Amino acid sequence: MSSLADEIRGYVVTEFLDGEETADLTGEFDLIDNGVVDSLGVVRIVSHLARTYSIQIDDIPLIPDNFRSIDAISAFVENTTKTAV
């Protein structure tokens, strides 16, 4: 995993899986289908991304596929910050 993916994984573990087994939390692990993140969780992730990566909240489309996995979130951040430059 890249450092971006590592940071996002760390956030997910801390905020949503504190104290739970995280061995299955790979980059492609489906956070939504597996009940790790619900709709409120997506909002929390969006808020974290906005603060941490200086992404305007208005520029973050709330499309579940963007937040389905650590890899998807990482790709979204990379694409959004790349186009913002």
Protein backbone atom coordinates (compact mmCIF):
# COMPACT_ATOMS: atom_id res chain seq x y z
CA MET A 1 0.00 0.00 0.00
CA SER A 2 1.10 3.55 -0.64
CA SER A 3 1.51 6.02 2.19
CA LEU A 4 -1.83 7.56 1.16
CA ALA A 5 -3.54 4.17 1.40
CA ASP A 6 -1.74 3.52 4.69
CA GLU A 7 -3.05 6.79 6.14
CA ILE A 8 -6.59 6.05 4.99
CA ARG A 9 -6.37 2.49 6.35
CA GLY A 10 -5.14 3.89 9.67
CA TYR A 11 -8.08 6.29 9.79
CA VAL A 12 -10.59 3.51 9.04
CA VAL A 13 -9.04 1.24 11.68
CA THR A 14 -9.01 3.97 14.32
CA GLU A 15 -12.47 5.39 13.63
CA PHE A 16 -14.45 2.29 12.66
CA LEU A 17 -12.58 -0.83 13.84
CA ASP A 18 -10.97 0.21 17.10
CA GLY A 19 -9.99 -2.98 18.90
CA GLU A 20 -11.29 -5.33 16.19
CA GLU A 21 -9.27 -7.73 14.05
CA THR A 22 -8.00 -5.92 10.96
CA ALA A 23 -6.08 -8.65 9.11
CA ASP A 24 -8.81 -8.85 6.42
CA LEU A 25 -8.68 -5.10 5.79
CA THR A 26 -6.86 -5.20 2.47
CA GLY A 27 -6.96 -2.45 -0.11
CA GLU A 28 -9.89 -4.02 -1.92
CA PHE A 29 -11.90 -5.08 1.17
CA ASP A 30 -15.46 -3.78 0.66
CA LEU A 31 -16.06 -1.44 3.60
CA ILE A 32 -19.74 -0.85 2.79
CA ASP A 33 -20.90 -4.38 1.99
CA ASN A 34 -19.07 -5.74 5.04
CA GLY A 35 -20.73 -3.23 7.37
CA VAL A 36 -17.58 -1.37 8.38
CA VAL A 37 -18.83 1.94 6.96
CA ASP A 38 -22.46 3.04 6.66
CA SER A 39 -23.87 6.27 5.23
CA LEU A 40 -22.83 8.26 8.31
CA GLY A 41 -19.40 6.66 8.04
CA VAL A 42 -19.09 7.90 4.46
CA VAL A 43 -19.85 11.42 5.69
CA ARG A 44 -17.16 11.05 8.36
CA ILE A 45 -14.66 9.86 5.73
CA VAL A 46 -15.57 12.80 3.47
CA SER A 47 -14.99 15.20 6.36
CA HIS A 48 -11.62 13.58 7.09
CA LEU A 49 -10.56 13.78 3.43
CA ALA A 50 -11.59 17.43 3.22
CA ARG A 51 -9.55 18.32 6.32
CA THR A 52 -6.53 16.15 5.65
CA TYR A 53 -6.10 16.65 1.92
CA SER A 54 -7.56 20.16 1.50
CA ILE A 55 -10.34 18.97 -0.77
CA GLN A 56 -13.38 21.22 -0.95
CA ILE A 57 -16.41 19.32 0.36
CA ASP A 58 -18.45 20.66 -2.56
CA ASP A 59 -15.98 18.88 -4.88
CA ILE A 60 -16.55 15.49 -3.25
CA PRO A 61 -19.34 13.54 -4.96
CA LEU A 62 -21.07 11.23 -2.50
CA ILE A 63 -20.93 8.23 -4.79
CA PRO A 64 -20.66 5.02 -2.71
CA ASP A 65 -18.18 3.44 -5.14
CA ASN A 66 -15.66 6.20 -4.28
CA PHE A 67 -15.72 5.04 -0.65
CA ARG A 68 -16.23 1.28 -1.03
CA SER A 69 -12.62 0.32 -0.29
CA ILE A 70 -9.32 1.78 0.79
CA ASP A 71 -8.08 1.48 -2.79
CA ALA A 72 -11.15 3.34 -4.08
CA ILE A 73 -10.77 6.12 -1.51
CA SER A 74 -7.06 6.43 -2.31
CA ALA A 75 -7.75 6.62 -6.05
CA PHE A 76 -10.43 9.24 -5.45
CA VAL A 77 -8.05 11.40 -3.37
CA GLU A 78 -5.24 11.03 -5.91
CA ASN A 79 -7.52 11.96 -8.83
CA THR A 80 -9.11 14.88 -6.98
CA THR A 81 -5.87 16.38 -5.75
CA LYS A 82 -4.19 15.86 -9.14
CA THR A 83 -6.94 17.75 -10.99
CA ALA A 84 -7.02 20.52 -8.38
CA VAL A 85 -3.40 21.48 -9.02
